[in-house]
Amino acid sequence: MAIDDFFVDEDNEGLEDKRIFEIGDMKFIRIKDQEPLTFDSLKNFDGVIIEYTRYTFTLEMIKNIRSHNEEQVYLLPLFLYKSYGEYSDALSEMVDGTLERLNDLNSIAETTSIIKSRI
């Protein structure tokens, strides 16, 4: 078991295991370490929430998405969700925003709308 299996955040109650989030007409996928993922499937989403667990995992996810050969994938808005621990400022600069909680995703929906309007 990972340390986050024991992590309880009352503000996120019921959201810890949720993988897909819908905000209005937008869909976001949350990527966790050790979960299966095909990068082509990301085209079905408006944005990606990467749960920070390890620096190497997070960096690899960002690099793989940003270097994907399809525009629909590499231009996706990326957000970091910190369930525990601290990530570096360098990682924060590689994404479009960060989250402390999963219960209020309006800020990422707003950021995503702005990004999509410019593409």
C-alpha atoms as a PDB file:
ATOM      1  CA  MET A   1       0.000   0.000   0.000  1.00  0.00           C
ATOM      2  CA  ALA A   2       1.101   3.503  -0.753  1.00  0.00           C
ATOM      3  CA  ILE A   3       1.180   6.216   1.847  1.00  0.00           C
ATOM      4  CA  ASP A   4      -1.725   8.006   0.166  1.00  0.00           C
ATOM      5  CA  ASP A   5      -3.961   4.966   0.776  1.00  0.00           C
ATOM      6  CA  PHE A   6      -4.079   6.237   4.355  1.00  0.00           C
ATOM      7  CA  PHE A   7      -4.401   9.907   3.472  1.00  0.00           C
ATOM      8  CA  VAL A   8      -7.746  11.413   4.439  1.00  0.00           C
ATOM      9  CA  ASP A   9      -8.712  14.916   3.470  1.00  0.00           C
ATOM     10  CA  GLU A  10     -12.188  15.839   4.609  1.00  0.00           C
ATOM     11  CA  ASP A  11     -12.386  18.553   1.951  1.00  0.00           C
ATOM     12  CA  ASN A  12     -11.939  15.882  -0.734  1.00  0.00           C
ATOM     13  CA  GLU A  13     -14.137  13.257   0.883  1.00  0.00           C
ATOM     14  CA  GLY A  14     -15.508  10.926  -1.772  1.00  0.00           C
ATOM     15  CA  LEU A  15     -13.228  12.332  -4.490  1.00  0.00           C
ATOM     16  CA  GLU A  16      -9.989  10.523  -3.626  1.00  0.00           C
ATOM     17  CA  ASP A  17     -10.691   7.600  -5.983  1.00  0.00           C
ATOM     18  CA  LYS A  18     -12.470   9.514  -8.722  1.00  0.00           C
ATOM     19  CA  ARG A  19     -10.640   9.447 -12.049  1.00  0.00           C
ATOM     20  CA  ILE A  20     -12.873  11.596 -14.277  1.00  0.00           C
ATOM     21  CA  PHE A  21     -14.263  14.981 -13.274  1.00  0.00           C
ATOM     22  CA  GLU A  22     -16.915  16.924 -15.172  1.00  0.00           C
ATOM     23  CA  ILE A  23     -17.222  20.670 -14.746  1.00  0.00           C
ATOM     24  CA  GLY A  24     -19.971  22.113 -16.905  1.00  0.00           C
ATOM     25  CA  ASP A  25     -19.345  20.755 -20.379  1.00  0.00           C
ATOM     26  CA  MET A  26     -15.661  20.023 -19.711  1.00  0.00           C
ATOM     27  CA  LYS A  27     -14.122  16.687 -18.763  1.00  0.00           C
ATOM     28  CA  PHE A  28     -10.862  16.249 -16.899  1.00  0.00           C
ATOM     29  CA  ILE A  29      -8.954  13.052 -16.213  1.00  0.00           C
ATOM     30  CA  ARG A  30      -6.852  12.566 -13.117  1.00  0.00           C
ATOM     31  CA  ILE A  31      -3.680  10.552 -13.634  1.00  0.00           C
ATOM     32  CA  LYS A  32      -2.162   8.693 -10.709  1.00  0.00           C
ATOM     33  CA  ASP A  33       1.108   6.822 -10.455  1.00  0.00           C
ATOM     34  CA  GLN A  34       0.809   3.128 -11.351  1.00  0.00           C
ATOM     35  CA  GLU A  35      -2.529   3.496 -13.182  1.00  0.00           C
ATOM     36  CA  PRO A  36      -2.781   2.321 -16.782  1.00  0.00           C
ATOM     37  CA  LEU A  37      -2.958   5.088 -19.346  1.00  0.00           C
ATOM     38  CA  THR A  38      -2.853   5.381 -23.099  1.00  0.00           C
ATOM     39  CA  PHE A  39      -1.820   8.833 -24.183  1.00  0.00           C
ATOM     40  CA  ASP A  40      -4.103   8.717 -27.226  1.00  0.00           C
ATOM     41  CA  SER A  41      -7.108   8.408 -24.882  1.00  0.00           C
ATOM     42  CA  LEU A  42      -6.305  11.874 -23.516  1.00  0.00           C
ATOM     43  CA  LYS A  43      -7.826  13.374 -26.698  1.00  0.00           C
ATOM     44  CA  ASN A  44     -11.243  12.714 -25.135  1.00  0.00           C
ATOM     45  CA  PHE A  45     -10.619  15.207 -22.324  1.00  0.00           C
ATOM     46  CA  ASP A  46     -10.375  18.960 -21.982  1.00  0.00           C
ATOM     47  CA  GLY A  47      -7.561  18.839 -19.442  1.00  0.00           C
ATOM     48  CA  VAL A  48      -5.377  16.570 -17.321  1.00  0.00           C
ATOM     49  CA  ILE A  49      -4.890  16.569 -13.566  1.00  0.00           C
ATOM     50  CA  ILE A  50      -1.629  14.857 -12.628  1.00  0.00           C
ATOM     51  CA  GLU A  51      -1.553  13.726  -9.030  1.00  0.00           C
ATOM     52  CA  TYR A  52       1.866  14.461  -7.635  1.00  0.00           C
ATOM     53  CA  THR A  53       3.279  11.436  -5.853  1.00  0.00           C
ATOM     54  CA  ARG A  54       6.849  11.248  -7.068  1.00  0.00           C
ATOM     55  CA  TYR A  55       8.973  13.778  -8.908  1.00  0.00           C
ATOM     56  CA  THR A  56      10.102  11.280 -11.566  1.00  0.00           C
ATOM     57  CA  PHE A  57       6.549  10.085 -12.308  1.00  0.00           C
ATOM     58  CA  THR A  58       5.224  13.627 -12.588  1.00  0.00           C
ATOM     59  CA  LEU A  59       8.077  14.806 -14.787  1.00  0.00           C
ATOM     60  CA  GLU A  60       7.687  11.798 -17.096  1.00  0.00           C
ATOM     61  CA  MET A  61       3.944  12.415 -17.451  1.00  0.00           C
ATOM     62  CA  ILE A  62       4.488  16.057 -18.323  1.00  0.00           C
ATOM     63  CA  LYS A  63       7.250  15.210 -20.817  1.00  0.00           C
ATOM     64  CA  ASN A  64       5.222  12.419 -22.453  1.00  0.00           C
ATOM     65  CA  ILE A  65       2.140  14.580 -22.874  1.00  0.00           C
ATOM     66  CA  ARG A  66       3.990  17.686 -24.085  1.00  0.00           C
ATOM     67  CA  SER A  67       6.062  15.681 -26.565  1.00  0.00           C
ATOM     68  CA  HIS A  68       3.164  13.628 -27.962  1.00  0.00           C
ATOM     69  CA  ASN A  69       2.887  13.709 -31.729  1.00  0.00           C
ATOM     70  CA  GLU A  70      -0.760  14.848 -31.802  1.00  0.00           C
ATOM     71  CA  GLU A  71      -1.730  18.449 -31.188  1.00  0.00           C
ATOM     72  CA  GLN A  72      -4.924  17.392 -29.359  1.00  0.00           C
ATOM     73  CA  VAL A  73      -2.718  15.800 -26.700  1.00  0.00           C
ATOM     74  CA  TYR A  74       0.330  18.050 -26.387  1.00  0.00           C
ATOM     75  CA  LEU A  75      -1.771  21.222 -26.134  1.00  0.00           C
ATOM     76  CA  LEU A  76      -3.977  19.899 -23.330  1.00  0.00           C
ATOM     77  CA  PRO A  77      -4.007  22.046 -20.211  1.00  0.00           C
ATOM     78  CA  LEU A  78      -2.097  20.272 -17.424  1.00  0.00           C
ATOM     79  CA  PHE A  79      -2.667  20.746 -13.709  1.00  0.00           C
ATOM     80  CA  LEU A  80      -0.819  19.359 -10.691  1.00  0.00           C
ATOM     81  CA  TYR A  81      -2.761  18.057  -7.725  1.00  0.00           C
ATOM     82  CA  LYS A  82      -0.799  17.743  -4.513  1.00  0.00           C
ATOM     83  CA  SER A  83      -2.353  15.201  -2.178  1.00  0.00           C
ATOM     84  CA  TYR A  84       0.727  15.249   0.058  1.00  0.00           C
ATOM     85  CA  GLY A  85       4.371  16.286  -0.130  1.00  0.00           C
ATOM     86  CA  GLU A  86       5.854  19.273  -1.893  1.00  0.00           C
ATOM     87  CA  TYR A  87       6.725  19.588  -5.547  1.00  0.00           C
ATOM     88  CA  SER A  88       9.354  21.905  -6.912  1.00  0.00           C
ATOM     89  CA  ASP A  89       8.773  25.289  -8.472  1.00  0.00           C
ATOM     90  CA  ALA A  90      10.277  23.862 -11.653  1.00  0.00           C
ATOM     91  CA  LEU A  91       7.383  21.394 -11.962  1.00  0.00           C
ATOM     92  CA  SER A  92       4.864  24.139 -11.262  1.00  0.00           C
ATOM     93  CA  GLU A  93       6.261  26.149 -14.154  1.00  0.00           C
ATOM     94  CA  MET A  94       5.729  23.250 -16.580  1.00  0.00           C
ATOM     95  CA  VAL A  95       1.964  23.091 -16.029  1.00  0.00           C
ATOM     96  CA  ASP A  96      -0.966  25.453 -16.372  1.00  0.00           C
ATOM     97  CA  GLY A  97      -1.959  25.442 -12.716  1.00  0.00           C
ATOM     98  CA  THR A  98      -1.882  23.648  -9.393  1.00  0.00           C
ATOM     99  CA  LEU A  99      -4.574  22.306  -7.066  1.00  0.00           C
ATOM    100  CA  GLU A 100      -4.619  21.837  -3.343  1.00  0.00           C
ATOM    101  CA  ARG A 101      -8.101  20.253  -3.263  1.00  0.00           C
ATOM    102  CA  LEU A 102     -10.315  18.343  -5.655  1.00  0.00           C
ATOM    103  CA  ASN A 103     -13.600  19.749  -4.393  1.00  0.00           C
ATOM    104  CA  ASP A 104     -13.279  23.104  -6.179  1.00  0.00           C
ATOM    105  CA  LEU A 105     -12.237  22.729  -9.783  1.00  0.00           C
ATOM    106  CA  ASN A 106     -13.756  25.960 -11.058  1.00  0.00           C
ATOM    107  CA  SER A 107     -10.333  27.595 -11.299  1.00  0.00           C
ATOM    108  CA  ILE A 108      -9.015  24.908 -13.653  1.00  0.00           C
ATOM    109  CA  ALA A 109     -12.202  25.078 -15.717  1.00  0.00           C
ATOM    110  CA  GLU A 110     -11.692  28.827 -16.092  1.00  0.00           C
ATOM    111  CA  THR A 111      -8.015  28.401 -17.013  1.00  0.00           C
ATOM    112  CA  THR A 112      -8.937  25.657 -19.489  1.00  0.00           C
ATOM    113  CA  SER A 113     -11.535  27.905 -21.161  1.00  0.00           C
ATOM    114  CA  ILE A 114      -8.949  30.653 -21.578  1.00  0.00           C
ATOM    115  CA  ILE A 115      -6.378  28.250 -23.039  1.00  0.00           C
ATOM    116  CA  LYS A 116      -8.896  26.681 -25.436  1.00  0.00           C
ATOM    117  CA  SER A 117     -10.043  30.088 -26.636  1.00  0.00           C
ATOM    118  CA  ARG A 118      -6.466  30.903 -27.665  1.00  0.00           C
ATOM    119  CA  ILE A 119      -5.845  27.689 -29.588  1.00  0.00           C
END
